[in-house]
Amino acid sequence: MHALVTDLYPLCRSITGEGLRETLRRLQKHVPLEIHEVKSGTPVLDWTVPKEWNIRDAYVADAKGTRVIDFKRSSLHVLNYSTPIRTKMPLAELRPHLFTLPDHPDWVPYRTSYYSEAWGFCAAHRVVEALPDGEYEVVIDSTLVPGALSYGELVIPGETTDEVLLSCHSCHPSLANDNLSGIAVAVALAKRLAAQPRRRFTYRFLFIPGTIGSITWLAAHEDVVPRITHGLVLSCVGDAGGFTYKRSRRGDAPVDRAVAHVLRHTGTSHTITDFVPYGYDERQYCSPGFNLAVGCFMRTPNGKYPEYHTSADNLSLVKPEALEGSLAAVSTVLAVLEGDGRFRNLSPKGEPQLGRRGLYGATGGAAQLPGFEFALLWVLNYSDGSNSLLDIAERAGMPFAQIRAAADALLAKGLLEAA
C-alpha cells in the first residue's frame, strides 16, 4: 500500500485531466478498474461537468531566469485549475496571486480554483518573503477547454444484488494522507474481497474526483442507488492518529453500528462523531434525496492535523503500519456486515444439551465459561427471529466474530435456522 502511495504521489491530479486519468490507469495495474468519461457540459443533478484542465509547466522566474517557484519541483506550486498566462510583471502585481502559509513558513499550501477562473501560485512563505523587488516572468502552461471528467469503478459481484459502496476521492495532487491513503486501502480491500471464495454482498468501488465525481455518479446511477445497503468513504487513513468514524446521516444504520462495534473491540483509541453536511463525498451520498447509509472512515479527520492540504502531507506522514491497521479495521467491518443475520433457535424450550453434540466442555464447575461456550448460550437465548447477530454481540459485549462462530456451530448441529 505504501509503495502505491509512493508511485502516485508525484502526479498532478485534479477534478479532471490527464493527471487523474494516469492515476486511474496505474490503478488498473492492481485491480480491473473500468474508467468512465463524462463530457464537459453534461448536466448532473444541480451541477454541470466542468471544462477539462491540463497543465504542462508553470513557474515564476526572476530577472536572471532562475525559477523561484517551479511546478516541476512540486505539483502543489500552482493554483489547481489555473488558467494559462505568459507575461512579465513587477513583484507588487504578482503578490496577490501568491498563496502562502505564514504560520508554517516552509510549507507549500494546496489551493484550488475549480469553479471560478483564476490563476496563481502556491509557495513557502519564507521563499516569497525573500523575493526582491523587480520584474518576474510568470508562466502557466495550461489548458481549460471542453473535455471530460474521468472516474474509476470496480464492481465485485456477490450472491445478492445488495451492494456495499466503497468510495474515495482521487483528485488531489501531491497529498499523501488526504487522498492517496484512501486509494491505497481501497485497492488492497478490493484485492482481498475479490480473492474471497464467497461474498454475500456485491461490492462497488468508486475512485472519483471529490464532490463533482460523486454527484456525476449519482446522477447517472439512480437505478443503482436503491441497491446500496451499506457504504463507507475512505480518506486520511494513513497517519499515526487513532481511528475516527463519522456516522451516516441516518446515524443508526447497520454500517454505523458495525463500525462502532469493531472499533470498540480493536483496543485502539477511536472517536465516533455524528454526521455533519461537510467533509467528503459522504455528504453527497447522504443528501436527503438519496439518504444512503454511507459513513466516513478516517484516522485524523480532514482539517484536524496541521499538515492537511500542505506539502507536509507527504510520504513521511503516511505510515505503512497505519495503512495496515486501517485495512484490517475496514475488513473487519465488512466481515460483520457479511456475517450478520437473524436466526431462530430450533430447541427454544430450555437449553439444548450441548455436551452430547460436542459443543460443550466435559468438565464443568468453572466460575466463568470459556468465550465460545458463553457465545453459544447468548446466540441460543436471543435467536428468536427478531435479534440479529450484531444485536446479540452488542448485548453480550463480545466481538462479533465469536458470536458468528457460535452461530455457525449451532447451524451445523441443526439447532438454528435462518429467520
Protein backbone atom coordinates (compact mmCIF):
# COMPACT_ATOMS: atom_id res chain seq x y z
CA MET A 1 0.00 0.00 0.00
CA HIS A 2 2.78 2.44 0.84
CA ALA A 3 4.51 1.61 -2.45
CA LEU A 4 1.30 2.51 -4.30
CA VAL A 5 1.10 5.84 -2.44
CA THR A 6 4.73 6.48 -3.40
CA ASP A 7 4.05 5.68 -7.05
CA LEU A 8 1.05 8.03 -7.30
CA TYR A 9 2.41 10.87 -5.17
CA PRO A 10 4.20 12.92 -7.89
CA LEU A 11 1.22 13.08 -10.27
CA CYS A 12 -0.65 16.37 -10.65
CA ARG A 13 -4.24 15.27 -10.14
CA SER A 14 -7.29 17.47 -10.36
CA ILE A 15 -11.04 17.00 -10.75
CA THR A 16 -10.45 16.41 -14.49
CA GLY A 17 -7.48 15.92 -16.79
CA GLU A 18 -4.57 13.65 -17.57
CA GLY A 19 -3.22 13.53 -14.01
CA LEU A 20 -6.46 11.94 -12.84
CA ARG A 21 -6.57 9.60 -15.85
CA GLU A 22 -2.98 8.48 -15.32
CA THR A 23 -3.79 7.77 -11.68
CA LEU A 24 -6.71 5.57 -12.71
CA ARG A 25 -4.60 3.83 -15.38
CA ARG A 26 -1.96 2.97 -12.77
CA LEU A 27 -4.68 1.55 -10.52
CA GLN A 28 -5.68 -0.74 -13.40
CA LYS A 29 -2.33 -2.50 -12.92
CA HIS A 30 -3.59 -3.61 -9.49
CA VAL A 31 -7.34 -4.13 -9.97
CA PRO A 32 -9.59 -4.43 -13.07
CA LEU A 33 -10.89 -0.89 -12.85
CA GLU A 34 -13.23 0.46 -15.54
CA ILE A 35 -12.56 4.10 -16.45
CA HIS A 36 -15.60 6.19 -17.37
CA GLU A 37 -15.58 9.54 -19.18
CA VAL A 38 -18.39 12.11 -18.85
CA LYS A 39 -18.30 15.03 -21.28
CA SER A 40 -17.88 18.63 -20.13
CA GLY A 41 -21.20 20.44 -20.11
CA THR A 42 -23.19 17.35 -19.10
CA PRO A 43 -25.91 18.31 -16.57
CA VAL A 44 -25.50 16.29 -13.36
CA LEU A 45 -28.21 16.95 -10.76
CA ASP A 46 -27.89 20.69 -9.97
CA TRP A 47 -24.34 20.85 -11.39
CA THR A 48 -22.62 20.73 -14.76
CA VAL A 49 -19.50 18.74 -15.59
CA PRO A 50 -16.77 21.40 -15.88
CA LYS A 51 -14.20 22.03 -18.55
CA GLU A 52 -11.16 19.77 -18.50
CA TRP A 53 -7.94 21.17 -17.06
CA ASN A 54 -4.45 20.06 -18.03
CA ILE A 55 -1.06 21.53 -17.22
CA ARG A 56 2.40 21.00 -18.69
CA ASP A 57 4.51 23.55 -16.82
CA ALA A 58 4.31 26.57 -14.54
CA TYR A 59 6.91 28.81 -12.97
CA VAL A 60 7.89 32.23 -11.68
CA ALA A 61 11.40 33.25 -12.81
CA ASP A 62 13.49 36.21 -11.65
CA ALA A 63 15.44 38.62 -13.84
CA LYS A 64 18.28 36.08 -14.16
CA GLY A 65 15.92 33.40 -15.42
CA THR A 66 16.10 31.38 -12.17
CA ARG A 67 12.83 29.64 -11.34
CA VAL A 68 11.98 30.83 -7.82
CA ILE A 69 8.66 28.93 -7.89
CA ASP A 70 8.62 25.80 -10.04
CA PHE A 71 5.71 23.44 -10.75
CA LYS A 72 8.19 20.77 -11.85
CA ARG A 73 9.51 20.56 -8.28
CA SER A 74 6.02 20.01 -6.84
CA SER A 75 2.53 19.91 -8.33
CA LEU A 76 1.34 21.95 -5.34
CA HIS A 77 3.20 25.03 -6.60
CA VAL A 78 0.39 26.04 -8.96
CA LEU A 79 -3.14 27.07 -8.01
CA ASN A 80 -5.02 23.97 -9.14
CA TYR A 81 -7.17 24.73 -12.22
CA SER A 82 -5.21 27.91 -13.03
CA THR A 83 -5.99 29.47 -16.38
CA PRO A 84 -3.00 29.93 -18.71
CA ILE A 85 -0.80 33.02 -18.53
CA ARG A 86 2.55 34.03 -20.00
CA THR A 87 3.73 37.52 -19.14
CA LYS A 88 6.15 39.65 -17.12
CA MET A 89 5.11 41.78 -14.17
CA PRO A 90 6.58 43.53 -11.13
CA LEU A 91 6.53 41.79 -7.76
CA ALA A 92 3.83 44.13 -6.42
CA GLU A 93 1.48 42.99 -9.19
CA LEU A 94 2.40 39.34 -8.71
CA ARG A 95 1.94 39.19 -4.93
CA PRO A 96 -1.90 38.96 -4.90
CA HIS A 97 -1.54 35.76 -6.93
CA LEU A 98 0.86 34.10 -4.45
CA PHE A 99 -0.57 31.87 -1.70
CA THR A 100 1.49 31.04 1.39
CA LEU A 101 1.17 29.81 4.98
CA PRO A 102 2.70 32.42 7.34
CA ASP A 103 2.20 30.10 10.34
CA HIS A 104 4.21 27.36 8.58
CA PRO A 105 6.72 29.34 6.52
CA ASP A 106 8.44 26.28 5.00
CA TRP A 107 5.27 24.53 3.83
CA VAL A 108 3.53 24.98 0.48
CA PRO A 109 -0.28 25.21 0.66
CA TYR A 110 -2.74 23.39 -1.59
CA ARG A 111 -5.26 25.78 -3.14
CA THR A 112 -7.80 25.40 -5.96
CA SER A 113 -9.92 27.49 -8.29
CA TYR A 114 -12.23 24.88 -9.79
CA TYR A 115 -15.36 26.87 -10.46
CA SER A 116 -14.12 30.46 -10.92
CA GLU A 117 -11.43 31.14 -13.50
CA ALA A 118 -8.24 32.49 -11.91
CA TRP A 119 -4.51 31.90 -11.86
CA GLY A 120 -1.94 31.76 -9.11
CA PHE A 121 0.99 30.05 -7.41
CA CYS A 122 1.48 28.41 -4.04
CA ALA A 123 4.84 28.67 -2.32
CA ALA A 124 6.64 28.58 1.00
CA HIS A 125 6.11 31.86 2.85
CA ARG A 126 9.83 32.11 3.55
CA VAL A 127 10.57 31.99 -0.19
CA VAL A 128 8.02 34.66 -1.07
CA GLU A 129 9.13 36.99 1.71
CA ALA A 130 12.71 36.79 0.43
CA LEU A 131 11.84 37.80 -3.15
CA PRO A 132 13.45 41.14 -4.08
CA ASP A 133 11.54 43.82 -5.93
CA GLY A 134 11.87 43.61 -9.67
CA GLU A 135 10.30 42.13 -12.74
CA TYR A 136 9.34 38.43 -12.86
CA GLU A 137 8.44 36.14 -15.70
CA VAL A 138 5.13 34.39 -14.97
CA VAL A 139 4.20 31.27 -16.95
CA ILE A 140 1.34 28.81 -16.51
CA ASP A 141 1.27 26.49 -19.49
CA SER A 142 -2.21 25.04 -19.00
CA THR A 143 -5.43 24.45 -20.90
CA LEU A 144 -9.02 24.75 -19.72
CA VAL A 145 -11.25 23.55 -22.54
CA PRO A 146 -14.22 21.23 -23.12
CA GLY A 147 -13.18 17.66 -22.46
CA ALA A 148 -14.38 15.09 -19.96
CA LEU A 149 -14.47 14.10 -16.30
CA SER A 150 -12.89 10.71 -15.55
CA TYR A 151 -13.68 8.29 -12.74
CA GLY A 152 -12.86 4.69 -11.96
CA GLU A 153 -15.33 1.98 -11.00
CA LEU A 154 -14.95 -1.64 -9.97
CA VAL A 155 -17.87 -3.97 -9.22
CA ILE A 156 -17.13 -7.26 -7.46
CA PRO A 157 -20.30 -9.37 -7.67
CA GLY A 158 -21.69 -11.30 -4.75
CA GLU A 159 -24.52 -13.77 -4.14
CA THR A 160 -27.05 -10.92 -3.90
CA THR A 161 -27.50 -7.65 -5.73
CA ASP A 162 -27.48 -5.74 -2.43
CA GLU A 163 -24.41 -3.53 -2.59
CA VAL A 164 -21.70 -2.18 -0.33
CA LEU A 165 -20.25 1.08 -1.67
CA LEU A 166 -16.57 1.93 -1.04
CA SER A 167 -15.70 5.42 -2.27
CA CYS A 168 -12.56 7.56 -2.21
CA HIS A 169 -11.69 10.88 -3.78
CA SER A 170 -8.84 10.72 -6.28
CA CYS A 171 -8.43 14.33 -7.34
CA HIS A 172 -5.78 15.87 -5.06
CA PRO A 173 -2.22 16.38 -6.31
CA SER A 174 0.76 15.53 -4.10
CA LEU A 175 -1.08 14.91 -0.83
CA ALA A 176 -0.29 11.53 0.65
CA ASN A 177 -2.73 11.11 3.53
CA ASP A 178 -5.66 13.15 2.27
CA ASN A 179 -6.29 11.32 -0.99
CA LEU A 180 -3.70 8.63 -1.62
CA SER A 181 -4.03 6.69 1.65
CA GLY A 182 -7.73 6.10 0.96
CA ILE A 183 -6.96 4.98 -2.59
CA ALA A 184 -4.29 2.53 -1.41
CA VAL A 185 -6.51 0.97 1.27
CA ALA A 186 -9.43 0.72 -1.19
CA VAL A 187 -7.24 -1.09 -3.75
CA ALA A 188 -5.95 -3.53 -1.13
CA LEU A 189 -9.51 -4.10 0.10
CA ALA A 190 -10.73 -4.81 -3.44
CA LYS A 191 -7.97 -7.39 -3.92
CA ARG A 192 -8.86 -9.05 -0.63
CA LEU A 193 -12.58 -9.20 -1.42
CA ALA A 194 -12.02 -10.50 -4.95
CA ALA A 195 -9.97 -13.37 -3.51
CA GLN A 196 -12.70 -14.50 -1.14
CA PRO A 197 -14.49 -17.67 -2.28
CA ARG A 198 -17.89 -16.38 -1.11
CA ARG A 199 -19.39 -12.92 -0.83
CA ARG A 200 -22.97 -12.24 0.21
CA PHE A 201 -22.92 -8.62 -0.97
CA THR A 202 -21.88 -7.07 -4.25
CA TYR A 203 -19.08 -4.53 -3.72
CA ARG A 204 -18.83 -1.33 -5.74
CA PHE A 205 -15.59 0.69 -5.56
CA LEU A 206 -15.53 4.28 -6.81
CA PHE A 207 -12.36 6.30 -7.42
CA ILE A 208 -13.76 9.73 -8.15
CA PRO A 209 -12.95 13.43 -8.10
CA GLY A 210 -14.31 14.98 -4.91
CA THR A 211 -17.87 16.38 -4.90
CA ILE A 212 -18.37 16.65 -8.66
CA GLY A 213 -17.42 12.98 -9.06
CA SER A 214 -19.98 11.60 -6.62
CA ILE A 215 -22.63 13.98 -7.97
CA THR A 216 -21.85 12.82 -11.51
CA TRP A 217 -22.03 9.15 -10.50
CA LEU A 218 -25.28 9.60 -8.58
CA ALA A 219 -26.86 11.46 -11.49
CA ALA A 220 -26.11 8.58 -13.86
CA HIS A 221 -26.92 5.71 -11.49
CA GLU A 222 -30.23 6.47 -9.82
CA ASP A 223 -31.30 2.94 -10.79
CA VAL A 224 -28.38 1.51 -8.76
CA VAL A 225 -28.89 3.70 -5.67
CA PRO A 226 -31.73 1.59 -4.15
CA ARG A 227 -29.41 -1.44 -4.10
CA ILE A 228 -26.78 0.30 -1.92
CA THR A 229 -27.34 -1.18 1.52
CA HIS A 230 -24.14 -0.06 3.26
CA GLY A 231 -21.27 2.27 2.38
CA LEU A 232 -18.02 3.86 3.51
CA VAL A 233 -15.99 6.79 2.26
CA LEU A 234 -12.28 6.19 2.92
CA SER A 235 -9.90 9.09 3.49
CA CYS A 236 -7.00 10.13 5.72
CA VAL A 237 -6.35 6.54 6.78
CA GLY A 238 -2.55 6.56 6.69
CA ASP A 239 -1.42 8.85 9.53
CA ALA A 240 -0.46 7.72 13.02
CA GLY A 241 -3.63 9.02 14.71
CA GLY A 242 -6.41 6.91 16.20
CA PHE A 243 -9.47 5.97 14.18
CA THR A 244 -12.31 8.41 13.55
CA TYR A 245 -15.69 7.42 12.17
CA LYS A 246 -18.32 9.88 11.01
CA ARG A 247 -21.76 8.29 11.08
CA SER A 248 -24.11 8.35 8.14
CA ARG A 249 -26.96 10.86 8.11
CA ARG A 250 -29.22 8.09 9.44
CA GLY A 251 -26.99 7.73 12.49
CA ASP A 252 -28.01 4.20 13.41
CA ALA A 253 -27.63 2.35 10.12
CA PRO A 254 -26.11 -1.16 10.29
CA VAL A 255 -22.81 0.19 8.94
CA ASP A 256 -22.74 2.79 11.73
CA ARG A 257 -23.32 0.10 14.34
CA ALA A 258 -20.81 -2.28 12.72
CA VAL A 259 -18.01 0.31 12.70
CA ALA A 260 -18.73 1.31 16.31
CA HIS A 261 -18.69 -2.34 17.36
CA VAL A 262 -15.42 -3.11 15.59
CA LEU A 263 -13.64 -0.02 16.92
CA ARG A 264 -14.84 -0.79 20.44
CA HIS A 265 -13.09 -4.15 20.23
CA THR A 266 -9.88 -3.08 18.46
CA GLY A 267 -8.30 -1.85 21.68
CA THR A 268 -7.04 1.31 19.95
CA SER A 269 -8.09 4.90 20.51
CA HIS A 270 -11.03 6.00 18.40
CA THR A 271 -13.67 8.69 18.08
CA ILE A 272 -17.17 8.42 16.64
CA THR A 273 -18.89 11.60 15.52
CA ASP A 274 -22.34 12.41 14.23
CA PHE A 275 -22.99 13.31 10.61
CA VAL A 276 -22.48 16.91 9.53
CA PRO A 277 -23.13 18.12 5.96
CA TYR A 278 -19.47 18.97 5.38
CA GLY A 279 -16.46 16.83 4.60
CA TYR A 280 -16.01 14.32 1.80
CA ASP A 281 -18.40 12.61 -0.59
CA GLU A 282 -20.49 11.11 2.22
CA ARG A 283 -22.39 14.40 2.19
CA GLN A 284 -23.48 13.73 -1.40
CA TYR A 285 -24.45 10.09 -0.75
CA CYS A 286 -26.27 11.23 2.42
CA SER A 287 -28.04 14.19 0.79
CA PRO A 288 -31.76 13.99 1.65
CA GLY A 289 -32.83 12.91 -1.84
CA PHE A 290 -30.65 9.77 -1.54
CA ASN A 291 -30.06 9.38 2.24
CA LEU A 292 -27.79 6.39 1.75
CA ALA A 293 -26.27 4.58 4.73
CA VAL A 294 -22.74 5.82 3.99
CA GLY A 295 -20.33 6.89 6.74
CA CYS A 296 -16.78 8.20 6.54
CA PHE A 297 -13.88 6.15 7.90
CA MET A 298 -10.70 8.07 8.77
CA ARG A 299 -7.87 8.35 11.19
CA THR A 300 -7.18 12.03 11.94
CA PRO A 301 -10.04 13.85 10.18
CA ASN A 302 -9.68 16.42 7.42
CA GLY A 303 -8.61 19.78 8.77
CA LYS A 304 -7.65 18.34 12.16
CA TYR A 305 -3.95 17.72 11.52
CA PRO A 306 -1.57 20.60 10.80
CA GLU A 307 -0.15 19.09 7.62
CA TYR A 308 -3.62 18.92 5.99
CA HIS A 309 -3.69 20.45 2.49
CA THR A 310 0.00 21.36 2.58
CA SER A 311 3.28 20.00 1.25
CA ALA A 312 3.86 18.48 4.71
CA ASP A 313 1.18 15.90 3.90
CA ASN A 314 3.94 13.91 2.25
CA LEU A 315 5.17 10.33 2.11
CA SER A 316 6.69 10.51 5.58
CA LEU A 317 3.29 11.32 7.13
CA VAL A 318 1.77 8.07 5.85
CA LYS A 319 2.90 5.06 7.88
CA PRO A 320 2.80 1.51 6.48
CA GLU A 321 1.60 0.19 9.83
CA ALA A 322 -1.23 2.75 9.85
CA LEU A 323 -2.35 1.66 6.38
CA GLU A 324 -2.23 -1.95 7.54
CA GLY A 325 -4.31 -1.16 10.63
CA SER A 326 -6.87 0.75 8.57
CA LEU A 327 -7.18 -2.12 6.11
CA ALA A 328 -7.64 -4.59 8.98
CA ALA A 329 -10.31 -2.46 10.65
CA VAL A 330 -12.34 -1.89 7.48
CA SER A 331 -12.02 -5.58 6.54
CA THR A 332 -13.42 -6.50 9.95
CA VAL A 333 -16.32 -4.08 9.49
CA LEU A 334 -17.17 -5.73 6.18
CA ALA A 335 -16.93 -9.16 7.82
CA VAL A 336 -19.53 -8.03 10.36
CA LEU A 337 -21.86 -6.81 7.60
CA GLU A 338 -21.32 -10.03 5.64
CA GLY A 339 -21.87 -12.29 8.64
CA ASP A 340 -24.81 -10.55 10.27
CA GLY A 341 -28.27 -12.06 10.10
CA ARG A 342 -31.27 -13.19 12.14
CA PHE A 343 -31.74 -16.77 13.25
CA ARG A 344 -34.26 -18.88 15.12
CA ASN A 345 -33.47 -21.34 17.91
CA LEU A 346 -34.94 -24.73 16.93
CA SER A 347 -34.84 -26.02 20.54
CA PRO A 348 -36.09 -22.96 22.42
CA LYS A 349 -37.65 -24.66 25.48
CA GLY A 350 -34.80 -24.83 27.93
CA GLU A 351 -31.22 -25.04 26.81
CA PRO A 352 -30.48 -27.86 24.39
CA GLN A 353 -27.92 -30.36 25.62
CA LEU A 354 -24.77 -29.09 24.01
CA GLY A 355 -22.34 -31.61 25.54
CA ARG A 356 -23.72 -34.61 23.67
CA ARG A 357 -23.41 -32.59 20.47
CA GLY A 358 -19.72 -31.93 21.13
CA LEU A 359 -20.24 -28.21 21.71
CA TYR A 360 -19.67 -28.05 25.46
CA GLY A 361 -16.65 -28.88 27.58
CA ALA A 362 -16.69 -32.15 29.51
CA THR A 363 -15.54 -30.54 32.76
CA GLY A 364 -17.97 -28.17 34.50
CA GLY A 365 -17.92 -26.02 37.62
CA ALA A 366 -15.67 -23.22 36.41
CA ALA A 367 -16.52 -19.73 37.67
CA GLN A 368 -16.80 -18.43 34.11
CA LEU A 369 -17.43 -20.18 30.82
CA PRO A 370 -14.88 -20.05 28.01
CA GLY A 371 -15.75 -17.46 25.39
CA PHE A 372 -17.01 -19.92 22.77
CA GLU A 373 -19.34 -21.73 25.15
CA PHE A 374 -20.65 -18.45 26.53
CA ALA A 375 -21.29 -17.25 22.98
CA LEU A 376 -23.31 -20.42 22.28
CA LEU A 377 -25.65 -19.59 25.14
CA TRP A 378 -26.05 -15.98 24.04
CA VAL A 379 -26.90 -17.00 20.48
CA LEU A 380 -29.37 -19.66 21.60
CA ASN A 381 -31.12 -17.36 24.06
CA TYR A 382 -31.58 -14.38 21.77
CA SER A 383 -32.10 -16.13 18.44
CA ASP A 384 -35.86 -15.68 18.42
CA GLY A 385 -36.03 -14.31 14.90
CA SER A 386 -36.07 -10.67 15.99
CA ASN A 387 -32.45 -10.14 17.07
CA SER A 388 -29.54 -10.01 14.63
CA LEU A 389 -26.15 -11.47 15.48
CA LEU A 390 -24.82 -7.90 15.79
CA ASP A 391 -27.63 -7.18 18.27
CA ILE A 392 -26.52 -10.21 20.26
CA ALA A 393 -22.81 -9.30 20.10
CA GLU A 394 -23.54 -5.79 21.36
CA ARG A 395 -25.76 -7.06 24.17
CA ALA A 396 -23.21 -9.69 25.17
CA GLY A 397 -20.25 -7.29 24.92
CA MET A 398 -18.42 -9.86 22.82
CA PRO A 399 -16.62 -9.49 19.49
CA PHE A 400 -18.90 -10.24 16.55
CA ALA A 401 -16.54 -12.96 15.29
CA GLN A 402 -17.14 -15.02 18.46
CA ILE A 403 -20.90 -14.73 18.11
CA ARG A 404 -20.77 -15.61 14.41
CA ALA A 405 -18.57 -18.66 15.13
CA ALA A 406 -21.08 -19.85 17.74
CA ALA A 407 -23.95 -19.39 15.29
CA ASP A 408 -22.09 -21.38 12.64
CA ALA A 409 -21.52 -24.22 15.11
CA LEU A 410 -25.17 -24.26 16.10
CA LEU A 411 -26.28 -24.20 12.47
CA ALA A 412 -24.04 -27.19 11.74
CA LYS A 413 -25.69 -29.12 14.58
CA GLY A 414 -29.23 -28.31 13.44
CA LEU A 415 -30.03 -26.09 16.41
CA LEU A 416 -30.53 -22.87 14.41
CA GLU A 417 -32.23 -21.85 11.20
CA ALA A 418 -32.25 -18.60 9.29
CA ALA A 419 -35.20 -16.47 10.33
